[in-house]
Protein backbone atom coordinates (compact mmCIF):
# COMPACT_ATOMS: atom_id res chain seq x y z
CA MET A 1 39.84 121.56 87.16
CA THR A 2 39.85 124.20 84.45
CA THR A 3 38.02 127.49 84.79
CA GLU A 4 34.71 127.15 82.97
CA PRO A 5 33.51 129.72 80.48
CA ALA A 6 30.25 131.42 81.38
CA GLY A 7 27.33 129.05 81.02
CA ALA A 8 29.46 125.97 80.37
CA LEU A 9 28.02 124.08 83.33
CA ARG A 10 24.43 124.37 82.16
CA GLN A 11 24.61 120.64 81.52
CA THR A 12 26.23 117.62 83.14
CA SER A 13 25.18 114.73 80.91
CA ASN A 14 27.12 115.51 77.73
CA LYS A 15 30.25 113.37 77.86
CA PHE A 16 32.23 115.87 75.77
CA GLU A 17 31.39 118.74 78.10
CA LEU A 18 32.27 116.63 81.13
CA MET A 19 35.56 115.71 79.49
CA LYS A 20 36.43 119.34 78.80
CA ALA A 21 35.39 120.46 82.28
CA GLU A 22 37.62 117.82 83.82
CA ARG A 23 40.75 118.96 81.97
CA ASP A 24 41.57 121.45 79.23
CA GLY A 25 42.34 119.95 75.85
CA LEU A 26 45.55 121.97 75.66
CA ASP A 27 46.86 119.88 78.57
CA ALA A 28 46.73 116.74 76.44
CA LEU A 29 50.30 116.99 75.17
CA GLU A 30 51.76 115.47 78.33
CA ASP A 31 49.22 112.62 78.11
CA ILE A 32 50.21 111.88 74.52
CA LEU A 33 53.88 111.78 75.40
CA ARG A 34 53.26 109.69 78.53
CA TYR A 35 51.09 107.08 76.80
CA ALA A 36 53.52 106.91 73.88
CA ALA A 37 56.54 106.40 76.12
CA ALA A 38 54.77 103.63 78.03
CA GLY A 39 53.53 101.95 74.87
CA THR A 40 50.03 101.93 76.31
CA PRO A 41 47.57 99.97 74.12
CA VAL A 42 44.79 102.15 72.77
CA GLU A 43 42.10 100.04 74.42
CA GLU A 44 43.61 100.87 77.82
CA ILE A 45 43.47 104.64 77.30
CA PRO A 46 40.35 106.32 78.73
CA ASP A 47 38.07 107.70 76.04
CA ALA A 48 38.29 111.19 77.56
CA ASP A 49 42.06 111.18 77.08
CA LEU A 50 41.70 109.98 73.50
CA GLN A 51 39.25 112.78 72.79
CA ARG A 52 41.54 115.43 74.27
CA MET A 53 44.37 114.28 71.97
CA LYS A 54 42.43 115.95 69.16
CA TRP A 55 43.57 119.31 70.55
CA TYR A 56 46.98 118.31 69.12
CA GLY A 57 45.59 116.93 65.87
CA VAL A 58 45.84 113.28 66.96
CA PHE A 59 42.76 111.16 66.18
CA HIS A 60 42.28 107.50 66.93
CA ARG A 61 40.26 105.89 64.14
CA PRO A 62 38.16 102.84 65.13
CA VAL A 63 38.09 101.61 61.51
CA THR A 64 41.88 101.17 61.75
CA PRO A 65 42.35 99.90 65.34
CA GLY A 66 45.55 101.05 66.97
CA GLU A 67 46.23 103.57 64.22
CA PHE A 68 45.86 107.32 64.38
CA MET A 69 45.10 110.04 61.87
CA MET A 70 46.87 113.36 62.25
CA ARG A 71 45.35 116.57 60.95
CA LEU A 72 47.65 119.49 60.26
CA ARG A 73 47.06 123.24 60.24
CA LEU A 74 48.03 124.95 56.99
CA PRO A 75 46.35 128.39 56.90
CA GLY A 76 45.20 129.25 53.41
CA GLY A 77 46.62 125.98 52.10
CA VAL A 78 50.16 127.39 51.89
CA VAL A 79 52.87 124.71 52.13
CA THR A 80 56.58 125.33 51.67
CA THR A 81 58.61 122.67 49.93
CA SER A 82 60.54 121.93 53.13
CA GLN A 83 57.23 121.38 54.91
CA ALA A 84 55.99 119.15 52.09
CA ARG A 85 59.13 117.03 52.43
CA ALA A 86 58.65 116.74 56.19
CA ILE A 87 55.04 115.64 55.71
CA ALA A 88 56.08 113.09 53.09
CA ASP A 89 58.82 111.85 55.42
CA VAL A 90 56.25 111.19 58.14
CA ALA A 91 53.95 109.41 55.69
CA VAL A 92 56.77 107.11 54.52
CA ARG A 93 58.34 106.35 57.90
CA PHE A 94 55.27 106.10 60.06
CA GLY A 95 52.10 106.09 57.93
CA HIS A 96 50.64 104.34 54.94
CA GLY A 97 52.78 106.26 52.49
CA ALA A 98 49.99 108.59 51.41
CA VAL A 99 48.29 111.79 52.52
CA ASP A 100 44.83 113.19 51.91
CA LEU A 101 44.14 116.73 50.73
CA THR A 102 40.97 118.05 52.34
CA THR A 103 38.21 120.51 51.48
CA ARG A 104 39.69 122.88 54.07
CA GLU A 105 42.94 123.33 52.09
CA ASN A 106 44.60 121.03 54.57
CA ILE A 107 46.45 117.70 54.86
CA GLN A 108 45.66 114.59 56.90
CA LEU A 109 48.21 111.87 57.66
CA ARG A 110 47.14 108.25 58.14
CA GLY A 111 48.22 105.06 59.85
CA LEU A 112 50.34 106.50 62.67
CA ARG A 113 51.05 104.50 65.83
CA LEU A 114 50.87 106.27 69.17
CA THR A 115 54.42 105.27 70.09
CA GLU A 116 55.61 107.13 66.97
CA ILE A 117 53.65 110.33 67.54
CA PRO A 118 56.38 112.11 69.59
CA VAL A 119 58.85 111.67 66.72
CA VAL A 120 56.19 112.81 64.25
CA PHE A 121 55.74 115.95 66.36
CA GLU A 122 59.48 116.63 66.25
CA VAL A 123 59.67 116.23 62.47
CA LEU A 124 56.70 118.55 61.95
CA TRP A 125 57.85 121.13 64.50
CA ALA A 126 61.29 121.29 62.89
CA ALA A 127 59.60 122.16 59.58
CA GLY A 128 57.28 124.71 61.15
CA VAL A 129 54.14 122.66 60.58
CA GLU A 130 51.39 123.47 63.08
CA HIS A 131 48.85 120.87 64.25
CA ARG A 132 47.34 122.27 67.44
CA GLN A 133 43.58 122.54 67.87
CA THR A 134 42.67 120.91 64.58
CA GLY A 135 39.95 118.69 65.97
CA LEU A 136 36.85 118.56 68.12
CA ASP A 137 35.65 121.88 69.61
CA ASN A 138 38.19 124.24 68.10
CA VAL A 139 38.66 126.64 65.21
CA ARG A 140 39.61 124.43 62.27
CA ASN A 141 42.06 125.25 59.48
CA LEU A 142 41.61 128.83 58.27
CA VAL A 143 40.82 129.01 54.57
CA ALA A 144 41.35 131.69 51.94
CA CYS A 145 41.73 131.98 48.20
CA PRO A 146 44.62 129.65 47.34
CA LEU A 147 45.97 132.44 45.13
CA ALA A 148 46.22 134.98 47.97
CA GLY A 149 49.03 137.35 47.08
CA LEU A 150 49.20 135.93 43.55
CA ASP A 151 45.89 136.92 41.95
CA ALA A 152 46.23 140.12 39.95
CA GLY A 153 42.57 140.97 40.53
CA GLU A 154 42.32 140.38 44.26
CA LEU A 155 41.17 143.20 46.52
CA LEU A 156 43.05 142.00 49.60
CA ASP A 157 45.81 139.51 50.37
CA ALA A 158 44.35 137.23 53.04
CA ARG A 159 47.64 135.66 54.17
CA PRO A 160 48.69 138.25 56.79
CA ILE A 161 45.13 138.27 58.10
CA LEU A 162 45.18 134.50 58.57
CA ASP A 163 48.51 134.79 60.37
CA ALA A 164 47.06 137.43 62.69
CA ILE A 165 44.01 135.29 63.48
CA SER A 166 46.23 132.29 64.22
CA ALA A 167 48.46 134.35 66.52
CA ALA A 168 45.42 135.67 68.38
CA TYR A 169 43.67 132.33 68.83
CA LEU A 170 46.05 129.38 68.94
CA GLY A 171 46.94 128.25 72.44
CA MET A 172 44.56 130.69 74.10
CA ARG A 173 43.02 128.75 76.98
CA SER A 174 40.12 131.14 77.34
CA LEU A 175 38.94 129.95 73.91
CA SER A 176 40.03 126.32 74.00
CA ASN A 177 36.59 125.07 75.05
CA LEU A 178 34.01 126.00 72.44
CA PRO A 179 30.60 124.30 72.24
CA ARG A 180 31.47 122.74 68.86
CA LYS A 181 33.88 123.12 65.96
CA PHE A 182 34.17 126.48 64.24
CA ASN A 183 35.07 127.22 60.62
CA VAL A 184 36.51 130.55 59.44
CA ALA A 185 37.14 131.84 55.89
CA VAL A 186 38.73 135.06 54.65
CA ALA A 187 38.00 135.83 50.99
CA GLY A 188 40.06 138.51 49.28
CA CYS A 189 39.36 137.96 45.59
CA HIS A 190 36.43 138.13 43.16
CA GLU A 191 35.78 134.41 43.15
CA ASP A 192 34.14 132.45 45.94
CA CYS A 193 37.17 130.19 46.35
CA THR A 194 36.36 129.54 50.00
CA ASP A 195 32.65 128.67 49.60
CA ALA A 196 32.17 131.53 52.04
CA ARG A 197 28.57 130.79 52.94
CA SER A 198 29.43 127.30 54.20
CA HIS A 199 31.39 128.63 57.21
CA ASP A 200 30.47 129.65 60.75
CA LEU A 201 32.23 132.96 60.14
CA ALA A 202 33.34 134.38 56.79
CA PHE A 203 34.82 137.66 55.66
CA VAL A 204 34.02 138.63 52.07
CA PRO A 205 35.46 141.64 50.22
CA ALA A 206 33.56 144.92 50.27
CA THR A 207 34.14 148.68 50.17
CA ARG A 208 32.75 151.46 52.34
CA GLU A 209 32.96 155.23 52.24
CA ALA A 210 34.69 156.74 55.29
CA GLY A 211 36.02 160.28 55.58
CA GLY A 212 35.43 160.89 51.91
CA GLU A 213 37.52 157.91 50.88
CA SER A 214 36.67 154.41 49.75
CA VAL A 215 37.95 151.86 52.26
CA VAL A 216 38.52 148.26 51.20
CA GLY A 217 37.62 145.68 53.83
CA PHE A 218 35.14 142.91 54.50
CA ASN A 219 31.48 142.31 55.05
CA VAL A 220 30.78 139.61 57.61
CA LEU A 221 28.75 136.43 57.16
CA VAL A 222 27.78 134.19 60.08
CA GLY A 223 26.15 130.89 60.86
CA GLY A 224 26.96 128.64 57.92
CA ALA A 225 27.25 124.89 58.50
CA LEU A 226 26.56 122.09 56.04
CA GLY A 227 26.71 119.08 58.35
CA GLY A 228 23.79 117.43 60.08
CA THR A 229 20.17 117.19 59.05
CA SER A 230 19.63 120.98 58.99
CA PRO A 231 22.30 122.52 56.75
CA ARG A 232 22.38 126.32 56.71
CA LEU A 233 24.09 128.91 54.55
CA ALA A 234 25.77 131.80 56.34
CA THR A 235 23.83 135.06 56.42
CA PRO A 236 25.00 138.71 56.64
CA LEU A 237 25.77 140.17 60.05
CA ASP A 238 25.31 143.69 58.57
CA ALA A 239 28.84 144.58 59.59
CA PHE A 240 31.93 145.91 57.84
CA VAL A 241 35.45 145.58 59.22
CA THR A 242 38.85 146.65 58.01
CA PRO A 243 41.60 144.04 57.61
CA ASP A 244 43.17 145.15 60.90
CA GLU A 245 39.88 144.59 62.72
CA VAL A 246 39.34 141.02 61.52
CA PRO A 247 41.27 139.20 64.33
CA ALA A 248 39.44 141.17 67.04
CA LEU A 249 36.08 140.37 65.49
CA VAL A 250 36.98 136.68 65.25
CA LEU A 251 37.78 136.68 68.97
CA ALA A 252 34.55 138.55 69.73
CA VAL A 253 32.41 136.01 67.86
CA LEU A 254 34.26 133.13 69.48
CA SER A 255 33.75 134.54 72.96
CA VAL A 256 30.00 134.99 72.40
CA PHE A 257 29.79 131.47 70.99
CA ARG A 258 31.79 130.10 73.93
CA ASP A 259 29.60 131.77 76.54
CA HIS A 260 26.17 131.31 74.97
CA GLY A 261 26.31 128.46 72.50
CA ALA A 262 24.21 125.42 73.37
CA ARG A 263 26.16 122.64 75.04
CA ALA A 264 23.61 120.14 76.30
CA VAL A 265 22.91 118.55 72.91
CA ARG A 266 25.81 118.50 70.45
CA THR A 267 23.58 118.36 67.40
CA ARG A 268 22.36 121.85 68.34
CA ALA A 269 25.69 123.27 69.43
CA ARG A 270 26.93 124.93 66.22
CA LEU A 271 26.82 128.71 65.91
CA LYS A 272 23.88 128.52 63.48
CA TRP A 273 21.61 127.37 66.28
CA LEU A 274 22.57 130.28 68.56
CA ILE A 275 21.71 132.71 65.76
CA GLU A 276 18.42 130.93 65.15
CA ASP A 277 17.54 131.01 68.85
CA TRP A 278 18.50 134.66 69.38
CA GLY A 279 17.73 136.30 66.07
CA ALA A 280 20.05 138.55 64.09
CA GLU A 281 19.60 141.73 66.15
CA ARG A 282 20.39 140.20 69.52
CA PHE A 283 23.32 138.29 68.10
CA ARG A 284 24.81 141.39 66.48
CA ALA A 285 24.40 143.37 69.71
CA ALA A 286 26.24 140.65 71.64
CA ILE A 287 29.07 140.67 69.11
CA GLU A 288 29.40 144.45 69.41
CA GLY A 289 29.57 144.11 73.19
CA ALA A 290 32.40 141.59 72.93
CA PHE A 291 34.09 143.60 70.18
CA GLY A 292 34.13 146.67 72.42
CA GLY A 293 32.30 149.10 70.16
CA ASP A 294 29.77 149.59 67.41
CA LEU A 295 30.34 147.78 64.15
CA ALA A 296 30.06 149.77 60.95
CA PRO A 297 27.11 148.72 58.77
CA ALA A 298 27.90 146.43 55.86
CA GLY A 299 29.63 148.05 52.92
CA THR A 300 29.08 147.59 49.22
CA PRO A 301 29.85 143.94 48.53
CA THR A 302 32.13 142.82 45.77
CA PRO A 303 30.06 140.40 43.69
CA LEU A 304 31.54 136.94 44.16
CA GLN A 305 31.62 134.83 41.05
CA ALA A 306 31.31 131.07 41.17
CA PRO A 307 34.75 129.75 42.00
CA GLY A 308 37.11 128.76 39.25
CA ASP A 309 38.96 125.50 39.75
CA HIS A 310 42.43 127.13 39.45
CA LEU A 311 43.53 124.35 37.13
CA GLY A 312 45.81 124.99 34.18
CA VAL A 313 48.33 127.77 33.47
CA HIS A 314 47.45 131.34 34.47
CA ARG A 315 49.13 134.70 34.91
CA GLN A 316 50.14 135.87 38.37
CA ARG A 317 50.15 139.47 39.51
CA GLN A 318 53.96 139.27 39.50
CA GLU A 319 55.32 140.18 36.08
CA GLY A 320 56.47 137.25 33.97
CA LEU A 321 55.24 134.58 36.42
CA ARG A 322 52.57 131.94 36.05
CA TYR A 323 50.86 129.54 38.41
CA VAL A 324 50.02 126.01 37.32
CA GLY A 325 47.04 124.27 38.89
CA LEU A 326 47.11 120.48 38.95
CA HIS A 327 44.17 118.13 39.39
CA VAL A 328 44.62 115.54 42.15
CA PRO A 329 42.00 112.80 41.68
CA VAL A 330 39.86 112.70 44.88
CA GLY A 331 42.64 114.44 46.81
CA ARG A 332 44.83 111.44 47.56
CA VAL A 333 48.61 111.86 47.15
CA THR A 334 51.33 109.30 47.75
CA ALA A 335 54.40 110.39 49.66
CA ALA A 336 56.48 109.87 46.50
CA GLN A 337 54.14 112.18 44.58
CA LEU A 338 54.31 114.81 47.33
CA LEU A 339 58.10 114.70 47.19
CA GLU A 340 57.95 115.10 43.43
CA LEU A 341 55.58 118.07 43.79
CA ALA A 342 58.11 119.63 46.16
CA ARG A 343 60.88 119.06 43.63
CA LEU A 344 58.85 120.63 40.85
CA ALA A 345 57.95 123.62 43.01
CA GLU A 346 61.63 124.21 43.75
CA SER A 347 62.89 123.54 40.22
CA TYR A 348 60.28 125.60 38.39
CA GLY A 349 58.45 127.73 40.95
CA SER A 350 58.81 129.66 44.18
CA SER A 351 59.44 126.68 46.49
CA GLU A 352 55.84 126.70 47.60
CA LEU A 353 52.65 124.73 47.02
CA ARG A 354 49.09 125.96 47.43
CA LEU A 355 46.26 123.58 48.31
CA THR A 356 42.72 124.30 47.16
CA ALA A 357 39.30 123.63 48.66
CA SER A 358 38.70 121.31 45.70
CA GLN A 359 41.50 118.99 46.90
CA ASN A 360 43.89 120.10 44.17
CA VAL A 361 47.37 121.65 44.25
CA ILE A 362 48.92 124.74 42.67
CA ILE A 363 52.57 125.34 41.80
CA PRO A 364 53.06 129.14 41.85
CA GLY A 365 55.91 131.35 40.70
CA VAL A 366 56.74 129.59 37.44
CA ALA A 367 58.66 131.75 34.98
CA GLU A 368 56.84 132.00 31.66
CA ARG A 369 59.80 130.58 29.78
CA ARG A 370 59.79 127.44 31.97
CA VAL A 371 56.10 126.57 31.77
CA ALA A 372 56.50 124.23 28.80
CA ALA A 373 59.20 122.23 30.58
CA LEU A 374 57.04 121.90 33.69
CA LEU A 375 54.08 120.70 31.63
CA ALA A 376 56.31 118.00 30.14
CA GLU A 377 57.19 116.54 33.56
CA PRO A 378 55.94 112.92 33.99
CA LEU A 379 53.95 113.67 37.18
CA LEU A 380 51.63 115.90 35.18
CA THR A 381 50.29 112.89 33.31
CA THR A 382 48.80 111.83 36.66
CA PHE A 383 48.07 115.27 38.10
CA SER A 384 46.78 116.88 34.94
CA PRO A 385 46.55 120.65 34.54
CA ASN A 386 43.69 120.09 32.10
CA PRO A 387 41.54 117.12 33.14
CA SER A 388 38.31 116.26 31.36
CA SER A 389 35.13 118.05 32.38
CA VAL A 390 33.78 115.30 34.62
CA TRP A 391 36.94 115.16 36.73
CA ARG A 392 37.55 118.90 37.13
CA GLY A 393 34.92 119.46 39.80
CA LEU A 394 35.12 116.07 41.51
CA VAL A 395 35.48 116.13 45.30
CA ALA A 396 35.21 113.26 47.80
CA CYS A 397 35.55 113.15 51.57
CA THR A 398 37.63 110.54 53.42
CA GLY A 399 35.12 107.69 53.17
CA THR A 400 35.18 104.29 54.85
CA ASP A 401 38.93 103.89 54.31
CA TYR A 402 39.56 105.81 57.52
CA CYS A 403 36.31 107.37 58.78
CA HIS A 404 33.90 105.38 60.94
CA TYR A 405 31.04 107.79 60.21
CA SER A 406 31.10 107.22 56.47
CA LEU A 407 28.61 104.76 54.98
CA ILE A 408 30.43 104.34 51.67
CA ASP A 409 33.90 104.23 50.16
CA THR A 410 33.65 107.74 48.74
CA LYS A 411 37.07 107.81 47.07
CA SER A 412 36.49 104.64 45.04
CA ARG A 413 32.86 105.51 44.31
CA ALA A 414 33.85 108.96 43.04
CA VAL A 415 36.43 107.48 40.66
CA GLU A 416 33.96 104.84 39.47
CA LEU A 417 31.26 107.44 38.89
CA ALA A 418 33.52 109.82 36.99
CA SER A 419 34.84 107.01 34.82
CA ALA A 420 31.35 105.71 34.08
CA LEU A 421 30.03 109.18 33.24
CA GLU A 422 32.94 109.75 30.90
CA GLU A 423 32.26 106.44 29.13
CA ARG A 424 28.62 107.45 28.66
CA GLY A 425 29.55 110.76 27.05
CA PHE A 426 28.72 113.01 30.00
CA ASP A 427 30.20 116.44 29.21
CA ALA A 428 29.96 118.65 32.27
CA PRO A 429 29.77 122.41 31.61
CA ASP A 430 32.40 124.78 32.99
CA GLY A 431 32.29 124.96 36.75
CA PHE A 432 30.11 121.87 37.20
CA ARG A 433 30.84 120.39 40.62
CA ILE A 434 30.31 116.76 41.67
CA HIS A 435 30.80 116.32 45.43
CA LEU A 436 30.55 113.13 47.49
CA SER A 437 30.09 112.96 51.26
CA GLY A 438 30.10 109.64 53.04
CA CYS A 439 27.52 110.64 55.61
CA VAL A 440 25.36 113.43 56.99
CA HIS A 441 28.40 115.32 58.31
CA ALA A 442 28.86 116.62 54.73
CA CYS A 443 32.66 116.90 54.74
CA GLY A 444 32.47 116.64 50.95
CA LYS A 445 30.19 119.73 50.89
CA HIS A 446 27.65 117.96 48.71
CA HIS A 447 24.89 120.44 49.61
CA ILE A 448 26.51 123.22 47.54
CA ALA A 449 27.46 121.20 44.47
CA ASP A 450 25.67 121.01 41.15
CA LEU A 451 25.52 117.27 41.79
CA GLY A 452 25.86 116.15 45.40
CA LEU A 453 25.91 112.61 46.72
CA GLN A 454 25.45 111.64 50.36
CA GLY A 455 26.42 108.11 51.34
CA ALA A 456 23.69 105.67 52.24
CA ASN A 457 23.13 101.92 52.53
CA VAL A 458 20.35 99.91 50.97
CA ARG A 459 19.31 96.28 51.32
CA LEU A 460 19.13 94.48 47.98
CA ASP A 461 18.55 90.75 47.56
CA GLY A 462 19.20 90.24 51.24
CA GLN A 463 22.51 92.11 51.26
CA VAL A 464 23.34 95.62 52.46
CA ILE A 465 25.17 97.49 49.70
CA GLU A 466 26.57 100.98 49.22
CA ALA A 467 24.25 103.63 47.85
CA ALA A 468 23.75 107.38 47.85
CA ASP A 469 21.12 110.06 48.14
CA ILE A 470 21.33 112.49 45.21
CA TYR A 471 21.12 116.28 45.52
CA VAL A 472 21.05 118.70 42.59
CA GLY A 473 21.25 122.45 42.11
CA GLY A 474 23.44 123.51 45.02
CA ALA A 475 25.60 126.64 44.80
CA ALA A 476 27.64 128.69 47.26
CA ALA A 477 28.20 131.87 45.24
CA GLY A 478 25.83 134.35 43.65
CA ALA A 479 22.30 133.07 44.20
CA ALA A 480 23.57 130.64 46.81
CA ARG A 481 21.30 127.74 47.59
CA LEU A 482 21.33 124.28 49.08
CA GLY A 483 20.87 121.38 46.72
CA GLU A 484 17.53 119.63 46.54
CA ARG A 485 17.39 115.93 47.30
CA VAL A 486 15.86 114.26 44.25
CA ALA A 487 16.59 110.59 44.90
CA ARG A 488 17.23 108.37 47.90
CA GLN A 489 19.36 105.27 48.35
CA VAL A 490 20.38 104.84 44.74
CA PRO A 491 22.66 101.76 44.59
CA ALA A 492 26.24 102.66 43.74
CA PHE A 493 26.17 100.56 40.57
CA GLY A 494 23.24 102.63 39.28
CA LEU A 495 24.52 106.13 40.06
CA ALA A 496 25.90 106.96 36.62
CA ASP A 497 22.66 106.01 34.89
CA ARG A 498 20.60 108.05 37.34
CA VAL A 499 22.87 111.09 36.91
CA ILE A 500 22.44 110.93 33.14
CA GLU A 501 18.68 110.78 33.62
CA LEU A 502 18.87 113.92 35.75
CA PHE A 503 21.18 115.83 33.39
CA PRO A 504 20.37 114.63 29.87
CA ALA A 505 21.48 117.94 28.33
CA HIS A 506 25.06 117.25 29.43
CA VAL A 507 25.37 114.01 27.46
CA ARG A 508 27.08 114.34 24.10
CA ALA A 509 25.08 113.04 21.16
CA PRO A 510 26.76 110.01 19.63
CA VAL A 511 28.74 110.71 16.51
CA ALA A 512 26.94 109.23 13.50
CA VAL A 513 29.03 106.77 11.54
CA PRO A 514 27.99 106.68 7.85
CA GLU A 515 26.75 103.38 6.57
CA PRO A 516 28.56 101.94 3.52
CA GLY A 517 27.31 103.70 0.42
CA ASP A 518 25.97 106.76 2.29
CA GLY A 519 26.88 110.22 0.90
């Protein structure tokens, strides 16, 4: 029996809490190896053991019986070319030959068999790819600006901060049993690349006067969460921390959440509910107690602009270097394409890829004189650095391909919608975001898109067909706001027409063709 965090036994009926009280999720590795060695059929594995496997990034997916998804941990979306090759190797040898890029700058592998998982672990470990604590009640992949260390205008490079948070948290048993999942973002630039207000805990750049000098650090936002029926944007904690203080504050917030977060009902177990129940003052006081001292009041925030999409060719802070952002339609990459991306990153760049929260990929470190040759590579006809306006801001969650929560095939529906809008002359303005989520969990972050779609089903002529609720006007930066639902259960075949009705100003006027004899 594991030692329970304070307050964890306030309930006995929640199966997840019972499972965690019975055995720590970090003990699941030996179970995975044992079941794999024995070739145990999935249906013979107790559900509690299957749930604990998520502490090692291993997820059984009921929509693909006997097959597992594996979620990796790639802080800030940084992937070396050797790691990309290892991931592609796993996808080819053991999966469906494709990987998904996620809205947390991360990668998910598909179609793995349990008997193969130990070898998958070995391949990933050899490449330095982390996968611990990427599911269930843990801190998920840490996100930052995908140009951290590359952006000439950034205030702070988030990469060493993410490394310090990971070192402080990963494998720590005292924090391996949180009430629910926990999302963290560290923003170091002028653009809201991380959608900071969508996270449980976010650090956004700010300055503060101390000792007659201006100190660059972070203001702190808390309590964001887009999933469920009560989405919430993160709000200020009225606290400023220096980069060195960030890991300690993360641990302080996690410990308060662990000890006081609701556990009886999982739909009320996210951090946002604790803040709502306590109020800002009590919550801040508790954080200071765990932090071990008073927190400085919030500093002067750096205004965060709406995020750019990082697509195309742009200057880096390093003299003579460029980064090239490539659009990956709905975030799905074949293993062959991932291998080719690795080759391009080595041949033209700095042997590194950067993943974005918009499910795209960046090749950094390209010498100016080699940009033209890179743009001429065949892969860039598929992963375009300059896609049309409709496609640039298109994001879709996993969908029914692999997720049993999703009500629609988000990937296919997103492609169909974008194609139909293009055919109808829809010309999205710069920065226009179209996000699709398959269900209320909002993994596609549809609540903070200009146009958000949430999967639904509707009965038509006696058949249940795919549909979507439509949200408009969401934004994460500046005057951040949640989108307003303006339509319910619109059949998938009618989505493009309804979107054009909602945004008539974005439709190009048809070009007049002169009649014979005119002019």
